[in-house]
Amino acid sequence: MRWNLRLAAANRGIWKASELQRQLAEHGLVISAGKMSGLWSGSPASIKLEDLDIICAVLGCGVEEVLIPEPDKVNRPVNDAEPKASTGTSGAVVTPRRRDGRSLPPE
């Protein structure tokens, strides 16, 4: 995913991180200057969904404008078209037993 906060804000006439920070605070999301700097200029490693909701509400946009998918960057296996089911080495069926001697419920 590509973080696109700065462009989404610019499309709404918000040119400074401090201006967005003030608007977010008005909606109940108080962000430190350091964290705001990271959100504004970088790509956050994680973000709370609650915070993302407030950011989208302040900007009047959808999540798809702030987070842009980049499916081309996903590593996909080249050799196997279909994933294969994992099988045990012995192939023996394991039947669980209770330690207290009681029988298991019927299947």
PDB file of N, CA and C in Angstrom:
ATOM      1  N   MET A   1       0.842  -1.185   0.000  1.00  0.00           N
ATOM      2  CA  MET A   1       0.000   0.000   0.000  1.00  0.00           C
ATOM      3  C   MET A   1       0.885   1.246   0.000  1.00  0.00           C
ATOM      4  N   ARG A   2       0.431   2.244  -0.685  1.00  0.00           N
ATOM      5  CA  ARG A   2       1.164   3.519  -0.695  1.00  0.00           C
ATOM      6  C   ARG A   2       0.371   4.540   0.114  1.00  0.00           C
ATOM      7  N   TRP A   3       1.042   5.210   1.027  1.00  0.00           N
ATOM      8  CA  TRP A   3       0.449   6.230   1.892  1.00  0.00           C
ATOM      9  C   TRP A   3       0.387   7.522   1.101  1.00  0.00           C
ATOM     10  N   ASN A   4      -0.796   8.104   0.992  1.00  0.00           N
ATOM     11  CA  ASN A   4      -1.013   9.241   0.118  1.00  0.00           C
ATOM     12  C   ASN A   4      -1.646  10.427   0.853  1.00  0.00           C
ATOM     13  N   LEU A   5      -1.332  10.592   2.139  1.00  0.00           N
ATOM     14  CA  LEU A   5      -1.969  11.620   2.959  1.00  0.00           C
ATOM     15  C   LEU A   5      -1.682  13.026   2.440  1.00  0.00           C
ATOM     16  N   ARG A   6      -0.454  13.290   2.097  1.00  0.00           N
ATOM     17  CA  ARG A   6      -0.067  14.647   1.705  1.00  0.00           C
ATOM     18  C   ARG A   6      -0.832  15.108   0.462  1.00  0.00           C
ATOM     19  N   LEU A   7      -0.948  14.235  -0.543  1.00  0.00           N
ATOM     20  CA  LEU A   7      -1.663  14.597  -1.763  1.00  0.00           C
ATOM     21  C   LEU A   7      -3.162  14.723  -1.508  1.00  0.00           C
ATOM     22  N   ALA A   8      -3.708  13.817  -0.694  1.00  0.00           N
ATOM     23  CA  ALA A   8      -5.134  13.894  -0.360  1.00  0.00           C
ATOM     24  C   ALA A   8      -5.439  15.211   0.352  1.00  0.00           C
ATOM     25  N   ALA A   9      -4.551  15.644   1.235  1.00  0.00           N
ATOM     26  CA  ALA A   9      -4.737  16.915   1.941  1.00  0.00           C
ATOM     27  C   ALA A   9      -4.596  18.091   0.976  1.00  0.00           C
ATOM     28  N   ALA A  10      -3.605  18.026   0.102  1.00  0.00           N
ATOM     29  CA  ALA A  10      -3.387  19.112  -0.857  1.00  0.00           C
ATOM     30  C   ALA A  10      -4.587  19.286  -1.781  1.00  0.00           C
ATOM     31  N   ASN A  11      -5.237  18.186  -2.137  1.00  0.00           N
ATOM     32  CA  ASN A  11      -6.424  18.263  -2.987  1.00  0.00           C
ATOM     33  C   ASN A  11      -7.563  19.012  -2.313  1.00  0.00           C
ATOM     34  N   ARG A  12      -7.472  19.190  -0.987  1.00  0.00           N
ATOM     35  CA  ARG A  12      -8.498  19.916  -0.237  1.00  0.00           C
ATOM     36  C   ARG A  12      -7.983  21.258   0.283  1.00  0.00           C
ATOM     37  N   GLY A  13      -6.844  21.694  -0.237  1.00  0.00           N
ATOM     38  CA  GLY A  13      -6.304  22.999   0.139  1.00  0.00           C
ATOM     39  C   GLY A  13      -5.559  23.021   1.456  1.00  0.00           C
ATOM     40  N   ILE A  14      -5.182  21.868   1.980  1.00  0.00           N
ATOM     41  CA  ILE A  14      -4.398  21.795   3.217  1.00  0.00           C
ATOM     42  C   ILE A  14      -2.947  21.576   2.811  1.00  0.00           C
ATOM     43  N   TRP A  15      -2.113  22.593   3.021  1.00  0.00           N
ATOM     44  CA  TRP A  15      -0.739  22.551   2.532  1.00  0.00           C
ATOM     45  C   TRP A  15       0.288  22.324   3.625  1.00  0.00           C
ATOM     46  N   LYS A  16      -0.122  22.472   4.885  1.00  0.00           N
ATOM     47  CA  LYS A  16       0.834  22.318   5.988  1.00  0.00           C
ATOM     48  C   LYS A  16       0.378  21.224   6.935  1.00  0.00           C
ATOM     49  N   ALA A  17       1.356  20.479   7.440  1.00  0.00           N
ATOM     50  CA  ALA A  17       1.063  19.418   8.396  1.00  0.00           C
ATOM     51  C   ALA A  17       0.423  19.991   9.655  1.00  0.00           C
ATOM     52  N   SER A  18       0.874  21.174  10.065  1.00  0.00           N
ATOM     53  CA  SER A  18       0.337  21.783  11.280  1.00  0.00           C
ATOM     54  C   SER A  18      -1.142  22.133  11.131  1.00  0.00           C
ATOM     55  N   GLU A  19      -1.550  22.506   9.928  1.00  0.00           N
ATOM     56  CA  GLU A  19      -2.953  22.828   9.682  1.00  0.00           C
ATOM     57  C   GLU A  19      -3.816  21.564   9.785  1.00  0.00           C
ATOM     58  N   LEU A  20      -3.338  20.466   9.204  1.00  0.00           N
ATOM     59  CA  LEU A  20      -4.067  19.200   9.310  1.00  0.00           C
ATOM     60  C   LEU A  20      -4.070  18.709  10.751  1.00  0.00           C
ATOM     61  N   GLN A  21      -2.960  18.880  11.436  1.00  0.00           N
ATOM     62  CA  GLN A  21      -2.848  18.463  12.838  1.00  0.00           C
ATOM     63  C   GLN A  21      -3.891  19.198  13.684  1.00  0.00           C
ATOM     64  N   ARG A  22      -4.076  20.483  13.447  1.00  0.00           N
ATOM     65  CA  ARG A  22      -5.067  21.271  14.174  1.00  0.00           C
ATOM     66  C   ARG A  22      -6.482  20.779  13.877  1.00  0.00           C
ATOM     67  N   GLN A  23      -6.779  20.494  12.608  1.00  0.00           N
ATOM     68  CA  GLN A  23      -8.107  20.020  12.237  1.00  0.00           C
ATOM     69  C   GLN A  23      -8.391  18.632  12.826  1.00  0.00           C
ATOM     70  N   LEU A  24      -7.375  17.783  12.860  1.00  0.00           N
ATOM     71  CA  LEU A  24      -7.540  16.457  13.458  1.00  0.00           C
ATOM     72  C   LEU A  24      -7.827  16.579  14.954  1.00  0.00           C
ATOM     73  N   ALA A  25      -7.124  17.506  15.623  1.00  0.00           N
ATOM     74  CA  ALA A  25      -7.337  17.728  17.050  1.00  0.00           C
ATOM     75  C   ALA A  25      -8.766  18.213  17.323  1.00  0.00           C
ATOM     76  N   GLU A  26      -9.314  19.033  16.434  1.00  0.00           N
ATOM     77  CA  GLU A  26     -10.688  19.504  16.573  1.00  0.00           C
ATOM     78  C   GLU A  26     -11.691  18.343  16.508  1.00  0.00           C
ATOM     79  N   HIS A  27     -11.290  17.264  15.852  1.00  0.00           N
ATOM     80  CA  HIS A  27     -12.152  16.084  15.723  1.00  0.00           C
ATOM     81  C   HIS A  27     -11.781  14.997  16.734  1.00  0.00           C
ATOM     82  N   GLY A  28     -10.912  15.330  17.690  1.00  0.00           N
ATOM     83  CA  GLY A  28     -10.599  14.405  18.768  1.00  0.00           C
ATOM     84  C   GLY A  28      -9.353  13.561  18.581  1.00  0.00           C
ATOM     85  N   LEU A  29      -8.619  13.773  17.519  1.00  0.00           N
ATOM     86  CA  LEU A  29      -7.392  13.012  17.287  1.00  0.00           C
ATOM     87  C   LEU A  29      -6.190  13.929  17.532  1.00  0.00           C
ATOM     88  N   VAL A  30      -5.630  13.839  18.723  1.00  0.00           N
ATOM     89  CA  VAL A  30      -4.475  14.659  19.085  1.00  0.00           C
ATOM     90  C   VAL A  30      -3.212  13.872  18.741  1.00  0.00           C
ATOM     91  N   ILE A  31      -2.407  14.447  17.848  1.00  0.00           N
ATOM     92  CA  ILE A  31      -1.194  13.790  17.363  1.00  0.00           C
ATOM     93  C   ILE A  31      -0.001  14.665  17.711  1.00  0.00           C
ATOM     94  N   SER A  32       1.065  14.033  18.201  1.00  0.00           N
ATOM     95  CA  SER A  32       2.282  14.788  18.514  1.00  0.00           C
ATOM     96  C   SER A  32       2.910  15.303  17.221  1.00  0.00           C
ATOM     97  N   ALA A  33       3.762  16.313  17.355  1.00  0.00           N
ATOM     98  CA  ALA A  33       4.426  16.889  16.185  1.00  0.00           C
ATOM     99  C   ALA A  33       5.285  15.852  15.467  1.00  0.00           C
ATOM    100  N   GLY A  34       5.951  15.003  16.236  1.00  0.00           N
ATOM    101  CA  GLY A  34       6.795  13.974  15.632  1.00  0.00           C
ATOM    102  C   GLY A  34       5.996  12.961  14.840  1.00  0.00           C
ATOM    103  N   LYS A  35       4.894  12.506  15.415  1.00  0.00           N
ATOM    104  CA  LYS A  35       4.055  11.535  14.713  1.00  0.00           C
ATOM    105  C   LYS A  35       3.412  12.176  13.489  1.00  0.00           C
ATOM    106  N   MET A  36       3.003  13.434  13.624  1.00  0.00           N
ATOM    107  CA  MET A  36       2.392  14.133  12.498  1.00  0.00           C
ATOM    108  C   MET A  36       3.388  14.286  11.365  1.00  0.00           C
ATOM    109  N   SER A  37       4.625  14.567  11.711  1.00  0.00           N
ATOM    110  CA  SER A  37       5.670  14.684  10.700  1.00  0.00           C
ATOM    111  C   SER A  37       5.840  13.372   9.942  1.00  0.00           C
ATOM    112  N   GLY A  38       5.804  12.260  10.672  1.00  0.00           N
ATOM    113  CA  GLY A  38       5.916  10.955  10.033  1.00  0.00           C
ATOM    114  C   GLY A  38       4.738  10.648   9.129  1.00  0.00           C
ATOM    115  N   LEU A  39       3.533  10.990   9.581  1.00  0.00           N
ATOM    116  CA  LEU A  39       2.344  10.762   8.757  1.00  0.00           C
ATOM    117  C   LEU A  39       2.351  11.636   7.509  1.00  0.00           C
ATOM    118  N   TRP A  40       2.848  12.852   7.665  1.00  0.00           N
ATOM    119  CA  TRP A  40       2.822  13.817   6.573  1.00  0.00           C
ATOM    120  C   TRP A  40       3.879  13.520   5.516  1.00  0.00           C
ATOM    121  N   SER A  41       5.078  13.185   5.950  1.00  0.00           N
ATOM    122  CA  SER A  41       6.181  13.058   4.995  1.00  0.00           C
ATOM    123  C   SER A  41       6.590  11.629   4.686  1.00  0.00           C
ATOM    124  N   GLY A  42       6.141  10.688   5.487  1.00  0.00           N
ATOM    125  CA  GLY A  42       6.590   9.320   5.269  1.00  0.00           C
ATOM    126  C   GLY A  42       5.445   8.372   5.021  1.00  0.00           C
ATOM    127  N   SER A  43       5.727   7.137   5.277  1.00  0.00           N
ATOM    128  CA  SER A  43       4.733   6.089   5.146  1.00  0.00           C
ATOM    129  C   SER A  43       4.694   5.341   6.468  1.00  0.00           C
ATOM    130  N   PRO A  44       3.611   5.451   7.221  1.00  0.00           N
ATOM    131  CA  PRO A  44       3.582   4.837   8.544  1.00  0.00           C
ATOM    132  C   PRO A  44       3.618   3.303   8.454  1.00  0.00           C
ATOM    133  N   ALA A  45       4.302   2.683   9.406  1.00  0.00           N
ATOM    134  CA  ALA A  45       4.346   1.225   9.461  1.00  0.00           C
ATOM    135  C   ALA A  45       2.990   0.679   9.860  1.00  0.00           C
ATOM    136  N   SER A  46       2.275   1.426  10.691  1.00  0.00           N
ATOM    137  CA  SER A  46       0.933   1.030  11.100  1.00  0.00           C
ATOM    138  C   SER A  46       0.132   2.273  11.450  1.00  0.00           C
ATOM    139  N   ILE A  47      -1.185   2.118  11.385  1.00  0.00           N
ATOM    140  CA  ILE A  47      -2.078   3.205  11.771  1.00  0.00           C
ATOM    141  C   ILE A  47      -3.356   2.571  12.300  1.00  0.00           C
ATOM    142  N   LYS A  48      -3.879   3.143  13.364  1.00  0.00           N
ATOM    143  CA  LYS A  48      -5.119   2.621  13.942  1.00  0.00           C
ATOM    144  C   LYS A  48      -6.276   2.929  12.993  1.00  0.00           C
ATOM    145  N   LEU A  49      -7.195   1.999  12.905  1.00  0.00           N
ATOM    146  CA  LEU A  49      -8.354   2.203  12.039  1.00  0.00           C
ATOM    147  C   LEU A  49      -9.198   3.385  12.506  1.00  0.00           C
ATOM    148  N   GLU A  50      -9.281   3.571  13.824  1.00  0.00           N
ATOM    149  CA  GLU A  50      -9.996   4.735  14.365  1.00  0.00           C
ATOM    150  C   GLU A  50      -9.376   6.033  13.860  1.00  0.00           C
ATOM    151  N   ASP A  51      -8.041   6.093  13.890  1.00  0.00           N
ATOM    152  CA  ASP A  51      -7.339   7.288  13.425  1.00  0.00           C
ATOM    153  C   ASP A  51      -7.567   7.501  11.933  1.00  0.00           C
ATOM    154  N   LEU A  52      -7.560   6.417  11.174  1.00  0.00           N
ATOM    155  CA  LEU A  52      -7.795   6.506   9.735  1.00  0.00           C
ATOM    156  C   LEU A  52      -9.200   7.021   9.446  1.00  0.00           C
ATOM    157  N   ASP A  53     -10.171   6.592  10.245  1.00  0.00           N
ATOM    158  CA  ASP A  53     -11.541   7.097  10.098  1.00  0.00           C
ATOM    159  C   ASP A  53     -11.595   8.609  10.295  1.00  0.00           C
ATOM    160  N   ILE A  54     -10.901   9.097  11.320  1.00  0.00           N
ATOM    161  CA  ILE A  54     -10.913  10.538  11.607  1.00  0.00           C
ATOM    162  C   ILE A  54     -10.194  11.301  10.502  1.00  0.00           C
ATOM    163  N   ILE A  55      -9.075  10.775  10.032  1.00  0.00           N
ATOM    164  CA  ILE A  55      -8.339  11.431   8.946  1.00  0.00           C
ATOM    165  C   ILE A  55      -9.237  11.557   7.715  1.00  0.00           C
ATOM    166  N   CYS A  56      -9.939  10.482   7.373  1.00  0.00           N
ATOM    167  CA  CYS A  56     -10.818  10.509   6.209  1.00  0.00           C
ATOM    168  C   CYS A  56     -11.997  11.459   6.411  1.00  0.00           C
ATOM    169  N   ALA A  57     -12.510  11.519   7.638  1.00  0.00           N
ATOM    170  CA  ALA A  57     -13.620  12.438   7.927  1.00  0.00           C
ATOM    171  C   ALA A  57     -13.172  13.885   7.791  1.00  0.00           C
ATOM    172  N   VAL A  58     -11.986  14.203   8.312  1.00  0.00           N
ATOM    173  CA  VAL A  58     -11.469  15.574   8.230  1.00  0.00           C
ATOM    174  C   VAL A  58     -11.209  15.958   6.779  1.00  0.00           C
ATOM    175  N   LEU A  59     -10.650  15.028   6.010  1.00  0.00           N
ATOM    176  CA  LEU A  59     -10.330  15.330   4.612  1.00  0.00           C
ATOM    177  C   LEU A  59     -11.548  15.193   3.697  1.00  0.00           C
ATOM    178  N   GLY A  60     -12.594  14.537   4.186  1.00  0.00           N
ATOM    179  CA  GLY A  60     -13.777  14.335   3.351  1.00  0.00           C
ATOM    180  C   GLY A  60     -13.488  13.406   2.185  1.00  0.00           C
ATOM    181  N   CYS A  61     -12.748  12.347   2.471  1.00  0.00           N
ATOM    182  CA  CYS A  61     -12.382  11.411   1.413  1.00  0.00           C
ATOM    183  C   CYS A  61     -12.579   9.982   1.900  1.00  0.00           C
ATOM    184  N   GLY A  62     -12.418   9.046   1.006  1.00  0.00           N
ATOM    185  CA  GLY A  62     -12.480   7.641   1.360  1.00  0.00           C
ATOM    186  C   GLY A  62     -11.091   7.100   1.628  1.00  0.00           C
ATOM    187  N   VAL A  63     -11.043   5.929   2.203  1.00  0.00           N
ATOM    188  CA  VAL A  63      -9.763   5.285   2.518  1.00  0.00           C
ATOM    189  C   VAL A  63      -8.947   5.053   1.248  1.00  0.00           C
ATOM    190  N   GLU A  64      -9.642   4.797   0.128  1.00  0.00           N
ATOM    191  CA  GLU A  64      -8.949   4.508  -1.124  1.00  0.00           C
ATOM    192  C   GLU A  64      -8.126   5.682  -1.650  1.00  0.00           C
ATOM    193  N   GLU A  65      -8.382   6.887  -1.128  1.00  0.00           N
ATOM    194  CA  GLU A  65      -7.589   8.043  -1.549  1.00  0.00           C
ATOM    195  C   GLU A  65      -6.346   8.222  -0.668  1.00  0.00           C
ATOM    196  N   VAL A  66      -6.426   7.750   0.567  1.00  0.00           N
ATOM    197  CA  VAL A  66      -5.298   7.872   1.497  1.00  0.00           C
ATOM    198  C   VAL A  66      -4.364   6.662   1.390  1.00  0.00           C
ATOM    199  N   LEU A  67      -4.944   5.490   1.201  1.00  0.00           N
ATOM    200  CA  LEU A  67      -4.173   4.253   1.033  1.00  0.00           C
ATOM    201  C   LEU A  67      -4.409   3.722  -0.372  1.00  0.00           C
ATOM    202  N   ILE A  68      -3.360   3.711  -1.173  1.00  0.00           N
ATOM    203  CA  ILE A  68      -3.485   3.268  -2.553  1.00  0.00           C
ATOM    204  C   ILE A  68      -2.837   1.891  -2.695  1.00  0.00           C
ATOM    205  N   PRO A  69      -3.617   0.884  -3.135  1.00  0.00           N
ATOM    206  CA  PRO A  69      -3.042  -0.458  -3.265  1.00  0.00           C
ATOM    207  C   PRO A  69      -1.993  -0.520  -4.370  1.00  0.00           C
ATOM    208  N   GLU A  70      -0.979  -1.330  -4.134  1.00  0.00           N
ATOM    209  CA  GLU A  70       0.077  -1.555  -5.124  1.00  0.00           C
ATOM    210  C   GLU A  70       0.268  -3.066  -5.298  1.00  0.00           C
ATOM    211  N   PRO A  71      -0.661  -3.731  -5.982  1.00  0.00           N
ATOM    212  CA  PRO A  71      -0.593  -5.192  -6.099  1.00  0.00           C
ATOM    213  C   PRO A  71       0.643  -5.687  -6.843  1.00  0.00           C
ATOM    214  N   ASP A  72       1.261  -4.852  -7.655  1.00  0.00           N
ATOM    215  CA  ASP A  72       2.464  -5.270  -8.392  1.00  0.00           C
ATOM    216  C   ASP A  72       3.643  -5.521  -7.472  1.00  0.00           C
ATOM    217  N   LYS A  73       3.616  -4.980  -6.264  1.00  0.00           N
ATOM    218  CA  LYS A  73       4.724  -5.150  -5.326  1.00  0.00           C
ATOM    219  C   LYS A  73       4.606  -6.408  -4.474  1.00  0.00           C
ATOM    220  N   VAL A  74       3.518  -7.173  -4.648  1.00  0.00           N
ATOM    221  CA  VAL A  74       3.309  -8.381  -3.865  1.00  0.00           C
ATOM    222  C   VAL A  74       4.098  -9.522  -4.510  1.00  0.00           C
ATOM    223  N   ASN A  75       4.904 -10.218  -3.695  1.00  0.00           N
ATOM    224  CA  ASN A  75       5.647 -11.371  -4.190  1.00  0.00           C
ATOM    225  C   ASN A  75       4.717 -12.563  -4.285  1.00  0.00           C
ATOM    226  N   ARG A  76       4.675 -13.162  -5.443  1.00  0.00           N
ATOM    227  CA  ARG A  76       3.839 -14.340  -5.645  1.00  0.00           C
ATOM    228  C   ARG A  76       4.725 -15.511  -6.033  1.00  0.00           C
ATOM    229  N   PRO A  77       4.374 -16.727  -5.580  1.00  0.00           N
ATOM    230  CA  PRO A  77       5.173 -17.887  -5.969  1.00  0.00           C
ATOM    231  C   PRO A  77       5.107 -18.101  -7.479  1.00  0.00           C
ATOM    232  N   VAL A  78       6.234 -18.430  -8.058  1.00  0.00           N
ATOM    233  CA  VAL A  78       6.324 -18.596  -9.498  1.00  0.00           C
ATOM    234  C   VAL A  78       6.057 -20.038  -9.910  1.00  0.00           C
ATOM    235  N   ASN A  79       6.552 -21.006  -9.147  1.00  0.00           N
ATOM    236  CA  ASN A  79       6.499 -22.409  -9.548  1.00  0.00           C
ATOM    237  C   ASN A  79       5.128 -23.045  -9.390  1.00  0.00           C
ATOM    238  N   ASP A  80       4.460 -22.841  -8.284  1.00  0.00           N
ATOM    239  CA  ASP A  80       3.201 -23.516  -8.005  1.00  0.00           C
ATOM    240  C   ASP A  80       2.023 -22.608  -8.311  1.00  0.00           C
ATOM    241  N   ALA A  81       1.172 -23.064  -9.200  1.00  0.00           N
ATOM    242  CA  ALA A  81      -0.039 -22.306  -9.506  1.00  0.00           C
ATOM    243  C   ALA A  81      -1.075 -22.491  -8.414  1.00  0.00           C
ATOM    244  N   GLU A  82      -1.149 -23.713  -7.852  1.00  0.00           N
ATOM    245  CA  GLU A  82      -2.088 -23.991  -6.771  1.00  0.00           C
ATOM    246  C   GLU A  82      -1.324 -24.385  -5.524  1.00  0.00           C
ATOM    247  N   PRO A  83      -1.719 -23.861  -4.369  1.00  0.00           N
ATOM    248  CA  PRO A  83      -1.062 -24.308  -3.136  1.00  0.00           C
ATOM    249  C   PRO A  83      -1.457 -25.744  -2.830  1.00  0.00           C
ATOM    250  N   LYS A  84      -0.503 -26.516  -2.364  1.00  0.00           N
ATOM    251  CA  LYS A  84      -0.759 -27.919  -2.051  1.00  0.00           C
ATOM    252  C   LYS A  84      -1.013 -28.057  -0.561  1.00  0.00           C
ATOM    253  N   ALA A  85      -1.882 -29.005  -0.232  1.00  0.00           N
ATOM    254  CA  ALA A  85      -2.189 -29.269   1.171  1.00  0.00           C
ATOM    255  C   ALA A  85      -1.002 -29.954   1.811  1.00  0.00           C
ATOM    256  N   SER A  86      -0.718 -29.595   3.013  1.00  0.00           N
ATOM    257  CA  SER A  86       0.384 -30.193   3.749  1.00  0.00           C
ATOM    258  C   SER A  86      -0.027 -31.568   4.255  1.00  0.00           C
ATOM    259  N   THR A  87       0.837 -32.544   4.078  1.00  0.00           N
ATOM    260  CA  THR A  87       0.561 -33.879   4.603  1.00  0.00           C
ATOM    261  C   THR A  87       1.633 -34.239   5.592  1.00  0.00           C
ATOM    262  N   GLY A  88       1.257 -35.039   6.582  1.00  0.00           N
ATOM    263  CA  GLY A  88       2.217 -35.490   7.589  1.00  0.00           C
ATOM    264  C   GLY A  88       3.198 -36.480   6.989  1.00  0.00           C
ATOM    265  N   THR A  89       4.254 -36.764   7.699  1.00  0.00           N
ATOM    266  CA  THR A  89       5.261 -37.677   7.178  1.00  0.00           C
ATOM    267  C   THR A  89       4.846 -39.122   7.313  1.00  0.00           C
ATOM    268  N   SER A  90       4.078 -39.469   8.337  1.00  0.00           N
ATOM    269  CA  SER A  90       3.736 -40.864   8.547  1.00  0.00           C
ATOM    270  C   SER A  90       2.396 -41.231   7.932  1.00  0.00           C
ATOM    271  N   GLY A  91       1.474 -40.319   7.819  1.00  0.00           N
ATOM    272  CA  GLY A  91       0.175 -40.603   7.273  1.00  0.00           C
ATOM    273  C   GLY A  91      -0.753 -41.302   8.254  1.00  0.00           C
ATOM    274  N   ALA A  92      -0.318 -41.554   9.468  1.00  0.00           N
ATOM    275  CA  ALA A  92      -1.142 -42.234  10.458  1.00  0.00           C
ATOM    276  C   ALA A  92      -2.160 -41.267  11.043  1.00  0.00           C
ATOM    277  N   VAL A  93      -3.348 -41.770  11.326  1.00  0.00           N
ATOM    278  CA  VAL A  93      -4.405 -40.953  11.903  1.00  0.00           C
ATOM    279  C   VAL A  93      -4.211 -40.903  13.420  1.00  0.00           C
ATOM    280  N   VAL A  94      -4.243 -39.725  13.969  1.00  0.00           N
ATOM    281  CA  VAL A  94      -4.082 -39.550  15.409  1.00  0.00           C
ATOM    282  C   VAL A  94      -5.462 -39.375  16.019  1.00  0.00           C
ATOM    283  N   THR A  95      -5.795 -40.213  16.976  1.00  0.00           N
ATOM    284  CA  THR A  95      -7.066 -40.111  17.670  1.00  0.00           C
ATOM    285  C   THR A  95      -6.819 -39.558  19.063  1.00  0.00           C
ATOM    286  N   PRO A  96      -7.409 -38.405  19.389  1.00  0.00           N
ATOM    287  CA  PRO A  96      -7.184 -37.830  20.712  1.00  0.00           C
ATOM    288  C   PRO A  96      -7.866 -38.663  21.787  1.00  0.00           C
ATOM    289  N   ARG A  97      -7.256 -38.739  22.935  1.00  0.00           N
ATOM    290  CA  ARG A  97      -7.827 -39.466  24.072  1.00  0.00           C
ATOM    291  C   ARG A  97      -7.786 -38.566  25.288  1.00  0.00           C
ATOM    292  N   ARG A  98      -8.807 -38.681  26.093  1.00  0.00           N
ATOM    293  CA  ARG A  98      -8.856 -37.906  27.321  1.00  0.00           C
ATOM    294  C   ARG A  98      -7.951 -38.540  28.359  1.00  0.00           C
ATOM    295  N   ARG A  99      -7.374 -37.719  29.186  1.00  0.00           N
ATOM    296  CA  ARG A  99      -6.471 -38.208  30.231  1.00  0.00           C
ATOM    297  C   ARG A  99      -7.217 -38.782  31.429  1.00  0.00           C
ATOM    298  N   ASP A 100      -8.465 -38.394  31.596  1.00  0.00           N
ATOM    299  CA  ASP A 100      -9.212 -38.856  32.760  1.00  0.00           C
ATOM    300  C   ASP A 100      -9.943 -40.192  32.518  1.00  0.00           C
ATOM    301  N   GLY A 101      -9.752 -40.807  31.346  1.00  0.00           N
ATOM    302  CA  GLY A 101     -10.339 -42.097  31.071  1.00  0.00           C
ATOM    303  C   GLY A 101     -11.729 -42.061  30.480  1.00  0.00           C
ATOM    304  N   ARG A 102     -12.347 -40.910  30.462  1.00  0.00           N
ATOM    305  CA  ARG A 102     -13.694 -40.801  29.898  1.00  0.00           C
ATOM    306  C   ARG A 102     -13.625 -40.839  28.378  1.00  0.00           C
ATOM    307  N   SER A 103     -14.686 -41.262  27.741  1.00  0.00           N
ATOM    308  CA  SER A 103     -14.708 -41.325  26.279  1.00  0.00           C
ATOM    309  C   SER A 103     -15.012 -39.943  25.701  1.00  0.00           C
ATOM    310  N   LEU A 104     -14.654 -39.780  24.453  1.00  0.00           N
ATOM    311  CA  LEU A 104     -14.922 -38.523  23.748  1.00  0.00           C
ATOM    312  C   LEU A 104     -16.358 -38.530  23.260  1.00  0.00           C
ATOM    313  N   PRO A 105     -16.951 -37.387  23.015  1.00  0.00           N
ATOM    314  CA  PRO A 105     -18.319 -37.333  22.495  1.00  0.00           C
ATOM    315  C   PRO A 105     -18.362 -37.945  21.091  1.00  0.00           C
ATOM    316  N   PRO A 106     -19.523 -38.459  20.684  1.00  0.00           N
ATOM    317  CA  PRO A 106     -19.644 -39.062  19.337  1.00  0.00           C
ATOM    318  C   PRO A 106     -19.465 -38.011  18.254  1.00  0.00           C
ATOM    319  N   GLU A 107     -19.016 -38.454  17.111  1.00  0.00           N
ATOM    320  CA  GLU A 107     -18.802 -37.534  15.976  1.00  0.00           C
ATOM    321  C   GLU A 107     -20.046 -37.344  15.191  1.00  0.00           C
TER     322      GLU A 107
END
